[in-house]
PDB file of all heavy atoms in Angstrom:
ATOM      1  N   VAL A   1     251.896 181.179 141.210  1.00  0.00           N
ATOM      2  CA  VAL A   1     253.206 180.569 141.423  1.00  0.00           C
ATOM      3  C   VAL A   1     253.117 179.051 141.470  1.00  0.00           C
ATOM      4  O   VAL A   1     253.891 178.363 140.819  1.00  0.00           O
ATOM      5  CB  VAL A   1     253.851 181.121 142.707  1.00  0.00           C
ATOM      6  CG1 VAL A   1     255.085 180.296 143.104  1.00  0.00           C
ATOM      7  CG2 VAL A   1     254.232 182.574 142.559  1.00  0.00           C
ATOM      8  N   TYR A   2     252.144 178.558 142.204  1.00  0.00           N
ATOM      9  CA  TYR A   2     251.977 177.085 142.306  1.00  0.00           C
ATOM     10  C   TYR A   2     251.699 176.504 140.906  1.00  0.00           C
ATOM     11  O   TYR A   2     252.249 175.474 140.520  1.00  0.00           O
ATOM     12  CB  TYR A   2     250.841 176.727 143.255  1.00  0.00           C
ATOM     13  CG  TYR A   2     250.954 177.306 144.637  1.00  0.00           C
ATOM     14  CD1 TYR A   2     249.828 177.720 145.345  1.00  0.00           C
ATOM     15  CD2 TYR A   2     252.199 177.476 145.270  1.00  0.00           C
ATOM     16  CE1 TYR A   2     249.918 178.244 146.649  1.00  0.00           C
ATOM     17  CE2 TYR A   2     252.307 178.036 146.530  1.00  0.00           C
ATOM     18  CZ  TYR A   2     251.152 178.418 147.214  1.00  0.00           C
ATOM     19  OH  TYR A   2     251.265 178.968 148.457  1.00  0.00           O
ATOM     20  N   GLN A   3     250.811 177.170 140.179  1.00  0.00           N
ATOM     21  CA  GLN A   3     250.493 176.666 138.821  1.00  0.00           C
ATOM     22  C   GLN A   3     251.716 176.763 137.892  1.00  0.00           C
ATOM     23  O   GLN A   3     251.916 175.873 137.058  1.00  0.00           O
ATOM     24  CB  GLN A   3     249.323 177.470 138.240  1.00  0.00           C
ATOM     25  CG  GLN A   3     248.001 177.240 138.927  1.00  0.00           C
ATOM     26  CD  GLN A   3     246.831 177.790 138.134  1.00  0.00           C
ATOM     27  OE1 GLN A   3     246.556 177.337 137.029  1.00  0.00           O
ATOM     28  NE2 GLN A   3     246.197 178.835 138.664  1.00  0.00           N
ATOM     29  N   TRP A   4     252.504 177.819 138.044  1.00  0.00           N
ATOM     30  CA  TRP A   4     253.703 177.972 137.202  1.00  0.00           C
ATOM     31  C   TRP A   4     254.649 176.812 137.385  1.00  0.00           C
ATOM     32  O   TRP A   4     255.180 176.236 136.427  1.00  0.00           O
ATOM     33  CB  TRP A   4     254.392 179.294 137.520  1.00  0.00           C
ATOM     34  CG  TRP A   4     255.503 179.662 136.608  1.00  0.00           C
ATOM     35  CD1 TRP A   4     256.836 179.651 136.885  1.00  0.00           C
ATOM     36  CD2 TRP A   4     255.376 180.106 135.259  1.00  0.00           C
ATOM     37  NE1 TRP A   4     257.548 180.068 135.792  1.00  0.00           N
ATOM     38  CE2 TRP A   4     256.701 180.357 134.781  1.00  0.00           C
ATOM     39  CE3 TRP A   4     254.290 180.334 134.405  1.00  0.00           C
ATOM     40  CZ2 TRP A   4     256.919 180.800 133.462  1.00  0.00           C
ATOM     41  CZ3 TRP A   4     254.530 180.779 133.114  1.00  0.00           C
ATOM     42  CH2 TRP A   4     255.835 181.013 132.654  1.00  0.00           C
ATOM     43  N   PHE A   5     254.876 176.457 138.636  1.00  0.00           N
ATOM     44  CA  PHE A   5     255.775 175.312 138.886  1.00  0.00           C
ATOM     45  C   PHE A   5     255.141 174.005 138.443  1.00  0.00           C
ATOM     46  O   PHE A   5     255.854 173.105 137.938  1.00  0.00           O
ATOM     47  CB  PHE A   5     256.157 175.266 140.363  1.00  0.00           C
ATOM     48  CG  PHE A   5     257.137 176.335 140.796  1.00  0.00           C
ATOM     49  CD1 PHE A   5     256.982 177.031 141.992  1.00  0.00           C
ATOM     50  CD2 PHE A   5     258.231 176.620 140.001  1.00  0.00           C
ATOM     51  CE1 PHE A   5     257.889 178.010 142.339  1.00  0.00           C
ATOM     52  CE2 PHE A   5     259.158 177.613 140.354  1.00  0.00           C
ATOM     53  CZ  PHE A   5     258.992 178.318 141.544  1.00  0.00           C
ATOM     54  N   ASP A   6     253.834 173.856 138.577  1.00  0.00           N
ATOM     55  CA  ASP A   6     253.197 172.640 138.087  1.00  0.00           C
ATOM     56  C   ASP A   6     253.374 172.510 136.575  1.00  0.00           C
ATOM     57  O   ASP A   6     253.576 171.396 136.036  1.00  0.00           O
ATOM     58  CB  ASP A   6     251.688 172.660 138.388  1.00  0.00           C
ATOM     59  CG  ASP A   6     251.397 172.409 139.886  1.00  0.00           C
ATOM     60  OD1 ASP A   6     252.315 171.946 140.602  1.00  0.00           O
ATOM     61  OD2 ASP A   6     250.241 172.631 140.290  1.00  0.00           O
ATOM     62  N   ILE A   7     253.314 173.648 135.842  1.00  0.00           N
ATOM     63  CA  ILE A   7     253.506 173.595 134.408  1.00  0.00           C
ATOM     64  C   ILE A   7     254.950 173.222 134.047  1.00  0.00           C
ATOM     65  O   ILE A   7     255.174 172.297 133.210  1.00  0.00           O
ATOM     66  CB  ILE A   7     253.175 174.973 133.778  1.00  0.00           C
ATOM     67  CG1 ILE A   7     251.697 175.332 133.969  1.00  0.00           C
ATOM     68  CG2 ILE A   7     253.541 175.012 132.300  1.00  0.00           C
ATOM     69  CD1 ILE A   7     251.398 176.779 133.693  1.00  0.00           C
ATOM     70  N   HIS A   8     255.891 173.858 134.668  1.00  0.00           N
ATOM     71  CA  HIS A   8     257.267 173.761 134.185  1.00  0.00           C
ATOM     72  C   HIS A   8     258.152 172.773 134.941  1.00  0.00           C
ATOM     73  O   HIS A   8     259.237 172.463 134.476  1.00  0.00           O
ATOM     74  CB  HIS A   8     257.926 175.157 134.205  1.00  0.00           C
ATOM     75  CG  HIS A   8     257.221 176.108 133.252  1.00  0.00           C
ATOM     76  ND1 HIS A   8     257.411 176.030 131.904  1.00  0.00           N
ATOM     77  CD2 HIS A   8     256.347 177.124 133.472  1.00  0.00           C
ATOM     78  CE1 HIS A   8     256.672 176.985 131.327  1.00  0.00           C
ATOM     79  NE2 HIS A   8     256.003 177.654 132.256  1.00  0.00           N
ATOM     80  N   LEU A   9     257.690 172.303 136.100  1.00  0.00           N
ATOM     81  CA  LEU A   9     258.449 171.261 136.823  1.00  0.00           C
ATOM     82  C   LEU A   9     257.738 169.921 136.828  1.00  0.00           C
ATOM     83  O   LEU A   9     258.367 168.898 137.013  1.00  0.00           O
ATOM     84  CB  LEU A   9     258.710 171.728 138.270  1.00  0.00           C
ATOM     85  CG  LEU A   9     259.473 173.020 138.415  1.00  0.00           C
ATOM     86  CD1 LEU A   9     259.761 173.315 139.902  1.00  0.00           C
ATOM     87  CD2 LEU A   9     260.788 172.996 137.634  1.00  0.00           C
ATOM     88  N   LYS A  10     256.433 169.914 136.608  1.00  0.00           N
ATOM     89  CA  LYS A  10     255.658 168.660 136.534  1.00  0.00           C
ATOM     90  C   LYS A  10     255.143 168.343 135.151  1.00  0.00           C
ATOM     91  O   LYS A  10     254.685 167.236 134.896  1.00  0.00           O
ATOM     92  CB  LYS A  10     254.450 168.727 137.500  1.00  0.00           C
ATOM     93  CG  LYS A  10     254.807 168.681 138.968  1.00  0.00           C
ATOM     94  CD  LYS A  10     253.531 168.649 139.802  1.00  0.00           C
ATOM     95  CE  LYS A  10     253.755 168.519 141.267  1.00  0.00           C
ATOM     96  NZ  LYS A  10     252.473 168.526 142.026  1.00  0.00           N
ATOM     97  N   GLY A  11     255.174 169.344 134.266  1.00  0.00           N
ATOM     98  CA  GLY A  11     254.661 169.111 132.914  1.00  0.00           C
ATOM     99  C   GLY A  11     253.144 169.113 132.802  1.00  0.00           C
ATOM    100  O   GLY A  11     252.595 168.572 131.847  1.00  0.00           O
ATOM    101  N   GLU A  12     252.476 169.754 133.751  1.00  0.00           N
ATOM    102  CA  GLU A  12     251.017 169.747 133.747  1.00  0.00           C
ATOM    103  C   GLU A  12     250.468 170.917 132.918  1.00  0.00           C
ATOM    104  O   GLU A  12     251.181 171.885 132.633  1.00  0.00           O
ATOM    105  CB  GLU A  12     250.505 169.853 135.187  1.00  0.00           C
ATOM    106  CG  GLU A  12     250.826 168.656 136.053  1.00  0.00           C
ATOM    107  CD  GLU A  12     250.298 168.761 137.474  1.00  0.00           C
ATOM    108  OE1 GLU A  12     249.642 169.777 137.764  1.00  0.00           O
ATOM    109  OE2 GLU A  12     250.520 167.821 138.252  1.00  0.00           O
ATOM    110  N   SER A  13     249.175 170.830 132.588  1.00  0.00           N
ATOM    111  CA  SER A  13     248.493 171.914 131.944  1.00  0.00           C
ATOM    112  C   SER A  13     247.407 172.405 132.882  1.00  0.00           C
ATOM    113  O   SER A  13     246.751 171.627 133.567  1.00  0.00           O
ATOM    114  CB  SER A  13     247.833 171.420 130.616  1.00  0.00           C
ATOM    115  OG  SER A  13     247.136 172.452 129.982  1.00  0.00           O
ATOM    116  N   ASN A  14     247.236 173.707 132.950  1.00  0.00           N
ATOM    117  CA  ASN A  14     246.251 174.282 133.854  1.00  0.00           C
ATOM    118  C   ASN A  14     245.773 175.633 133.328  1.00  0.00           C
ATOM    119  O   ASN A  14     246.093 176.015 132.192  1.00  0.00           O
ATOM    120  CB  ASN A  14     246.836 174.405 135.268  1.00  0.00           C
ATOM    121  CG  ASN A  14     248.146 175.149 135.298  1.00  0.00           C
ATOM    122  OD1 ASN A  14     248.342 176.165 134.614  1.00  0.00           O
ATOM    123  ND2 ASN A  14     249.121 174.653 136.094  1.00  0.00           N
ATOM    124  N   GLU A  15     245.027 176.367 134.135  1.00  0.00           N
ATOM    125  CA  GLU A  15     244.476 177.648 133.683  1.00  0.00           C
ATOM    126  C   GLU A  15     245.562 178.633 133.294  1.00  0.00           C
ATOM    127  O   GLU A  15     245.424 179.400 132.329  1.00  0.00           O
ATOM    128  CB  GLU A  15     243.609 178.283 134.794  1.00  0.00           C
ATOM    129  CG  GLU A  15     242.319 177.547 135.062  1.00  0.00           C
ATOM    130  CD  GLU A  15     241.516 178.212 136.164  1.00  0.00           C
ATOM    131  OE1 GLU A  15     241.974 179.261 136.674  1.00  0.00           O
ATOM    132  OE2 GLU A  15     240.434 177.704 136.517  1.00  0.00           O
ATOM    133  N   LEU A  16     246.679 178.621 134.044  1.00  0.00           N
ATOM    134  CA  LEU A  16     247.742 179.574 133.749  1.00  0.00           C
ATOM    135  C   LEU A  16     248.383 179.294 132.411  1.00  0.00           C
ATOM    136  O   LEU A  16     248.765 180.195 131.683  1.00  0.00           O
ATOM    137  CB  LEU A  16     248.765 179.511 134.867  1.00  0.00           C
ATOM    138  CG  LEU A  16     249.772 180.682 134.926  1.00  0.00           C
ATOM    139  CD1 LEU A  16     249.057 181.976 135.318  1.00  0.00           C
ATOM    140  CD2 LEU A  16     250.897 180.415 135.893  1.00  0.00           C
ATOM    141  N   SER A  17     248.535 178.021 132.078  1.00  0.00           N
ATOM    142  CA  SER A  17     249.178 177.654 130.830  1.00  0.00           C
ATOM    143  C   SER A  17     248.333 178.112 129.620  1.00  0.00           C
ATOM    144  O   SER A  17     248.851 178.204 128.498  1.00  0.00           O
ATOM    145  CB  SER A  17     249.433 176.156 130.766  1.00  0.00           C
ATOM    146  OG  SER A  17     248.247 175.402 130.811  1.00  0.00           O
ATOM    147  N   GLN A  18     247.055 178.325 129.793  1.00  0.00           N
ATOM    148  CA  GLN A  18     246.154 178.754 128.735  1.00  0.00           C
ATOM    149  C   GLN A  18     245.965 180.247 128.695  1.00  0.00           C
ATOM    150  O   GLN A  18     245.341 180.766 127.763  1.00  0.00           O
ATOM    151  CB  GLN A  18     244.791 178.060 128.894  1.00  0.00           C
ATOM    152  CG  GLN A  18     244.831 176.557 129.076  1.00  0.00           C
ATOM    153  CD  GLN A  18     245.507 175.873 127.905  1.00  0.00           C
ATOM    154  OE1 GLN A  18     245.263 176.219 126.732  1.00  0.00           O
ATOM    155  NE2 GLN A  18     246.358 174.894 128.171  1.00  0.00           N
ATOM    156  N   ALA A  19     246.465 180.991 129.693  1.00  0.00           N
ATOM    157  CA  ALA A  19     246.181 182.411 129.788  1.00  0.00           C
ATOM    158  C   ALA A  19     247.133 183.247 128.959  1.00  0.00           C
ATOM    159  O   ALA A  19     248.262 182.844 128.663  1.00  0.00           O
ATOM    160  CB  ALA A  19     246.283 182.844 131.262  1.00  0.00           C
ATOM    161  N   SER A  20     246.722 184.468 128.588  1.00  0.00           N
ATOM    162  CA  SER A  20     247.619 185.418 127.926  1.00  0.00           C
ATOM    163  C   SER A  20     248.733 185.763 128.898  1.00  0.00           C
ATOM    164  O   SER A  20     248.485 185.921 130.111  1.00  0.00           O
ATOM    165  CB  SER A  20     246.873 186.687 127.525  1.00  0.00           C
ATOM    166  OG  SER A  20     245.865 186.400 126.608  1.00  0.00           O
ATOM    167  N   PRO A  21     249.992 185.878 128.439  1.00  0.00           N
ATOM    168  CA  PRO A  21     251.116 185.985 129.345  1.00  0.00           C
ATOM    169  C   PRO A  21     251.276 187.329 130.072  1.00  0.00           C
ATOM    170  O   PRO A  21     252.050 187.420 131.006  1.00  0.00           O
ATOM    171  CB  PRO A  21     252.316 185.706 128.457  1.00  0.00           C
ATOM    172  CG  PRO A  21     251.856 186.072 127.084  1.00  0.00           C
ATOM    173  CD  PRO A  21     250.417 185.751 127.037  1.00  0.00           C
ATOM    174  N   VAL A  22     250.609 188.371 129.624  1.00  0.00           N
ATOM    175  CA  VAL A  22     250.661 189.649 130.297  1.00  0.00           C
ATOM    176  C   VAL A  22     249.239 189.918 130.862  1.00  0.00           C
ATOM    177  O   VAL A  22     248.287 190.069 130.079  1.00  0.00           O
ATOM    178  CB  VAL A  22     251.086 190.823 129.393  1.00  0.00           C
ATOM    179  CG1 VAL A  22     251.005 192.142 130.134  1.00  0.00           C
ATOM    180  CG2 VAL A  22     252.490 190.580 128.842  1.00  0.00           C
ATOM    181  N   GLN A  23     249.125 189.983 132.167  1.00  0.00           N
ATOM    182  CA  GLN A  23     247.850 190.198 132.823  1.00  0.00           C
ATOM    183  C   GLN A  23     247.933 191.488 133.593  1.00  0.00           C
ATOM    184  O   GLN A  23     248.705 191.649 134.531  1.00  0.00           O
ATOM    185  CB  GLN A  23     247.509 189.032 133.750  1.00  0.00           C
ATOM    186  CG  GLN A  23     247.276 187.705 133.045  1.00  0.00           C
ATOM    187  CD  GLN A  23     245.960 187.673 132.283  1.00  0.00           C
ATOM    188  OE1 GLN A  23     244.962 188.247 132.748  1.00  0.00           O
ATOM    189  NE2 GLN A  23     245.930 187.011 131.143  1.00  0.00           N
ATOM    190  N   MET A  24     247.055 192.448 133.253  1.00  0.00           N
ATOM    191  CA  MET A  24     247.049 193.738 133.896  1.00  0.00           C
ATOM    192  C   MET A  24     245.717 193.945 134.648  1.00  0.00           C
ATOM    193  O   MET A  24     244.649 193.866 134.034  1.00  0.00           O
ATOM    194  CB  MET A  24     247.208 194.875 132.868  1.00  0.00           C
ATOM    195  CG  MET A  24     248.458 194.793 132.009  1.00  0.00           C
ATOM    196  SD  MET A  24     248.660 196.217 130.896  1.00  0.00           S
ATOM    197  CE  MET A  24     249.377 197.434 132.030  1.00  0.00           C
ATOM    198  N   LYS A  25     245.824 194.186 135.944  1.00  0.00           N
ATOM    199  CA  LYS A  25     244.631 194.564 136.700  1.00  0.00           C
ATOM    200  C   LYS A  25     244.347 196.040 136.413  1.00  0.00           C
ATOM    201  O   LYS A  25     245.230 196.873 136.501  1.00  0.00           O
ATOM    202  CB  LYS A  25     244.788 194.384 138.184  1.00  0.00           C
ATOM    203  CG  LYS A  25     243.516 194.633 138.994  1.00  0.00           C
ATOM    204  CD  LYS A  25     243.725 194.491 140.469  1.00  0.00           C
ATOM    205  CE  LYS A  25     242.354 194.563 141.193  1.00  0.00           C
ATOM    206  NZ  LYS A  25     241.570 195.763 140.922  1.00  0.00           N
ATOM    207  N   VAL A  26     243.131 196.334 136.036  1.00  0.00           N
ATOM    208  CA  VAL A  26     242.739 197.702 135.815  1.00  0.00           C
ATOM    209  C   VAL A  26     242.519 198.361 137.178  1.00  0.00           C
ATOM    210  O   VAL A  26     241.727 197.852 137.999  1.00  0.00           O
ATOM    211  CB  VAL A  26     241.465 197.788 134.956  1.00  0.00           C
ATOM    212  CG1 VAL A  26     241.102 199.276 134.674  1.00  0.00           C
ATOM    213  CG2 VAL A  26     241.677 197.071 133.631  1.00  0.00           C
ATOM    214  N   LYS A  27     243.192 199.456 137.417  1.00  0.00           N
ATOM    215  CA  LYS A  27     243.138 200.104 138.762  1.00  0.00           C
ATOM    216  C   LYS A  27     241.698 200.485 139.088  1.00  0.00           C
ATOM    217  O   LYS A  27     240.999 201.064 138.290  1.00  0.00           O
ATOM    218  CB  LYS A  27     244.047 201.316 138.795  1.00  0.00           C
ATOM    219  CG  LYS A  27     245.529 200.991 138.736  1.00  0.00           C
ATOM    220  CD  LYS A  27     246.405 202.243 138.731  1.00  0.00           C
ATOM    221  CE  LYS A  27     246.404 202.923 140.054  1.00  0.00           C
ATOM    222  NZ  LYS A  27     247.417 204.051 140.098  1.00  0.00           N
ATOM    223  N   PHE A  28     241.313 200.113 140.317  1.00  0.00           N
ATOM    224  CA  PHE A  28     239.999 200.425 140.877  1.00  0.00           C
ATOM    225  C   PHE A  28     238.842 199.785 140.117  1.00  0.00           C
ATOM    226  O   PHE A  28     237.699 200.201 140.201  1.00  0.00           O
ATOM    227  CB  PHE A  28     239.795 201.948 140.996  1.00  0.00           C
ATOM    228  CG  PHE A  28     240.978 202.640 141.598  1.00  0.00           C
ATOM    229  CD1 PHE A  28     241.727 203.557 140.864  1.00  0.00           C
ATOM    230  CD2 PHE A  28     241.384 202.355 142.876  1.00  0.00           C
ATOM    231  CE1 PHE A  28     242.835 204.174 141.432  1.00  0.00           C
ATOM    232  CE2 PHE A  28     242.472 202.972 143.450  1.00  0.00           C
ATOM    233  CZ  PHE A  28     243.212 203.870 142.717  1.00  0.00           C
ATOM    234  N   GLU A  29     239.185 198.740 139.348  1.00  0.00           N
ATOM    235  CA  GLU A  29     238.183 197.929 138.659  1.00  0.00           C
ATOM    236  C   GLU A  29     238.428 196.465 139.045  1.00  0.00           C
ATOM    237  O   GLU A  29     239.536 196.055 139.266  1.00  0.00           O
ATOM    238  CB  GLU A  29     238.275 198.091 137.144  1.00  0.00           C
ATOM    239  CG  GLU A  29     238.131 199.483 136.624  1.00  0.00           C
ATOM    240  CD  GLU A  29     236.703 199.950 136.588  1.00  0.00           C
ATOM    241  OE1 GLU A  29     235.797 199.107 136.709  1.00  0.00           O
ATOM    242  OE2 GLU A  29     236.481 201.173 136.444  1.00  0.00           O
ATOM    243  N   ASP A  30     237.352 195.722 139.140  1.00  0.00           N
ATOM    244  CA  ASP A  30     237.450 194.323 139.551  1.00  0.00           C
ATOM    245  C   ASP A  30     237.630 193.422 138.349  1.00  0.00           C
ATOM    246  O   ASP A  30     236.833 192.536 138.053  1.00  0.00           O
ATOM    247  CB  ASP A  30     236.206 193.903 140.341  1.00  0.00           C
ATOM    248  CG  ASP A  30     236.359 192.507 140.959  1.00  0.00           C
ATOM    249  OD1 ASP A  30     237.520 192.068 141.127  1.00  0.00           O
ATOM    250  OD2 ASP A  30     235.318 191.899 141.251  1.00  0.00           O
ATOM    251  N   ARG A  31     238.701 193.694 137.579  1.00  0.00           N
ATOM    252  CA  ARG A  31     238.949 192.846 136.430  1.00  0.00           C
ATOM    253  C   ARG A  31     240.437 192.937 135.977  1.00  0.00           C
ATOM    254  O   ARG A  31     241.120 193.894 136.248  1.00  0.00           O
ATOM    255  CB  ARG A  31     238.061 193.260 135.249  1.00  0.00           C
ATOM    256  CG  ARG A  31     238.419 194.521 134.542  1.00  0.00           C
ATOM    257  CD  ARG A  31     237.508 194.824 133.369  1.00  0.00           C
ATOM    258  NE  ARG A  31     237.974 195.870 132.521  1.00  0.00           N
ATOM    259  CZ  ARG A  31     237.794 197.191 132.739  1.00  0.00           C
ATOM    260  NH1 ARG A  31     237.099 197.550 133.804  1.00  0.00           N
ATOM    261  NH2 ARG A  31     238.270 198.074 131.878  1.00  0.00           N
ATOM    262  N   TYR A  32     240.847 191.864 135.325  1.00  0.00           N
ATOM    263  CA  TYR A  32     242.148 191.799 134.665  1.00  0.00           C
ATOM    264  C   TYR A  32     241.951 191.731 133.160  1.00  0.00           C
ATOM    265  O   TYR A  32     240.927 191.224 132.676  1.00  0.00           O
ATOM    266  CB  TYR A  32     242.934 190.564 135.115  1.00  0.00           C
ATOM    267  CG  TYR A  32     243.468 190.632 136.524  1.00  0.00           C
ATOM    268  CD1 TYR A  32     242.620 190.358 137.591  1.00  0.00           C
ATOM    269  CD2 TYR A  32     244.790 190.955 136.764  1.00  0.00           C
ATOM    270  CE1 TYR A  32     243.098 190.432 138.897  1.00  0.00           C
ATOM    271  CE2 TYR A  32     245.287 191.028 138.054  1.00  0.00           C
ATOM    272  CZ  TYR A  32     244.445 190.768 139.116  1.00  0.00           C
ATOM    273  OH  TYR A  32     244.913 190.849 140.409  1.00  0.00           O
ATOM    274  N   GLU A  33     242.936 192.229 132.433  1.00  0.00           N
ATOM    275  CA  GLU A  33     242.912 192.114 130.978  1.00  0.00           C
ATOM    276  C   GLU A  33     244.216 191.442 130.549  1.00  0.00           C
ATOM    277  O   GLU A  33     245.302 191.755 131.046  1.00  0.00           O
ATOM    278  CB  GLU A  33     242.782 193.500 130.321  1.00  0.00           C
ATOM    279  CG  GLU A  33     241.470 194.161 130.584  1.00  0.00           C
ATOM    280  CD  GLU A  33     241.347 195.544 129.994  1.00  0.00           C
ATOM    281  OE1 GLU A  33     242.377 196.051 129.487  1.00  0.00           O
ATOM    282  OE2 GLU A  33     240.256 196.124 130.014  1.00  0.00           O
ATOM    283  N   GLY A  34     244.079 190.517 129.588  1.00  0.00           N
ATOM    284  CA  GLY A  34     245.244 189.760 129.140  1.00  0.00           C
ATOM    285  C   GLY A  34     245.733 190.229 127.776  1.00  0.00           C
ATOM    286  O   GLY A  34     244.931 190.548 126.898  1.00  0.00           O
ATOM    287  N   PHE A  35     247.056 190.223 127.631  1.00  0.00           N
ATOM    288  CA  PHE A  35     247.660 190.642 126.363  1.00  0.00           C
ATOM    289  C   PHE A  35     248.813 189.682 126.049  1.00  0.00           C
ATOM    290  O   PHE A  35     249.342 188.992 126.940  1.00  0.00           O
ATOM    291  CB  PHE A  35     248.197 192.081 126.476  1.00  0.00           C
ATOM    292  CG  PHE A  35     247.154 193.097 126.857  1.00  0.00           C
ATOM    293  CD1 PHE A  35     246.992 193.475 128.176  1.00  0.00           C
ATOM    294  CD2 PHE A  35     246.314 193.612 125.881  1.00  0.00           C
ATOM    295  CE1 PHE A  35     246.005 194.390 128.549  1.00  0.00           C
ATOM    296  CE2 PHE A  35     245.316 194.526 126.240  1.00  0.00           C
ATOM    297  CZ  PHE A  35     245.167 194.914 127.568  1.00  0.00           C
ATOM    298  N   ASP A  36     249.226 189.714 124.771  1.00  0.00           N
ATOM    299  CA  ASP A  36     250.233 188.758 124.336  1.00  0.00           C
ATOM    300  C   ASP A  36     251.639 189.230 124.577  1.00  0.00           C
ATOM    301  O   ASP A  36     252.597 188.413 124.564  1.00  0.00           O
ATOM    302  CB  ASP A  36     250.068 188.488 122.820  1.00  0.00           C
ATOM    303  CG  ASP A  36     248.800 187.665 122.528  1.00  0.00           C
ATOM    304  OD1 ASP A  36     248.341 186.971 123.436  1.00  0.00           O
ATOM    305  OD2 ASP A  36     248.308 187.785 121.409  1.00  0.00           O
ATOM    306  N   GLY A  37     251.855 190.498 124.809  1.00  0.00           N
ATOM    307  CA  GLY A  37     253.207 191.010 125.037  1.00  0.00           C
ATOM    308  C   GLY A  37     253.185 192.402 125.601  1.00  0.00           C
ATOM    309  O   GLY A  37     252.131 192.987 125.862  1.00  0.00           O
ATOM    310  N   PHE A  38     254.395 192.922 125.871  1.00  0.00           N
ATOM    311  CA  PHE A  38     254.553 194.290 126.362  1.00  0.00           C
ATOM    312  C   PHE A  38     255.728 194.919 125.644  1.00  0.00           C
ATOM    313  O   PHE A  38     256.781 194.277 125.502  1.00  0.00           O
ATOM    314  CB  PHE A  38     254.803 194.292 127.880  1.00  0.00           C
ATOM    315  CG  PHE A  38     254.613 195.647 128.503  1.00  0.00           C
ATOM    316  CD1 PHE A  38     253.389 196.048 128.985  1.00  0.00           C
ATOM    317  CD2 PHE A  38     255.673 196.564 128.517  1.00  0.00           C
ATOM    318  CE1 PHE A  38     253.207 197.304 129.530  1.00  0.00           C
ATOM    319  CE2 PHE A  38     255.475 197.833 129.056  1.00  0.00           C
ATOM    320  CZ  PHE A  38     254.259 198.189 129.579  1.00  0.00           C
ATOM    321  N   PRO A  39     255.602 196.188 125.153  1.00  0.00           N
ATOM    322  CA  PRO A  39     254.443 197.067 125.264  1.00  0.00           C
ATOM    323  C   PRO A  39     253.205 196.451 124.590  1.00  0.00           C
ATOM    324  O   PRO A  39     253.272 195.641 123.719  1.00  0.00           O
ATOM    325  CB  PRO A  39     254.899 198.339 124.513  1.00  0.00           C
ATOM    326  CG  PRO A  39     256.386 198.254 124.529  1.00  0.00           C
ATOM    327  CD  PRO A  39     256.749 196.838 124.467  1.00  0.00           C
ATOM    328  N   ILE A  40     252.019 196.922 125.056  1.00  0.00           N
ATOM    329  CA  ILE A  40     250.769 196.383 124.590  1.00  0.00           C
ATOM    330  C   ILE A  40     250.539 196.860 123.139  1.00  0.00           C
ATOM    331  O   ILE A  40     250.381 198.024 122.900  1.00  0.00           O
ATOM    332  CB  ILE A  40     249.621 196.867 125.470  1.00  0.00           C
ATOM    333  CG1 ILE A  40     249.882 196.573 126.961  1.00  0.00           C
ATOM    334  CG2 ILE A  40     248.293 196.237 125.027  1.00  0.00           C
ATOM    335  CD1 ILE A  40     250.112 195.141 127.302  1.00  0.00           C
TER     336      ILE A  40
END
């Protein structure tokens, strides 16, 4: 959330601005997977 506001209210670039916009945590796994849209 903090990074989102930094991007869109301050015009900054950060890790969130470079990430795939759909991030899914795999249940019971210690990882996220990024996708460009939904449905995947």
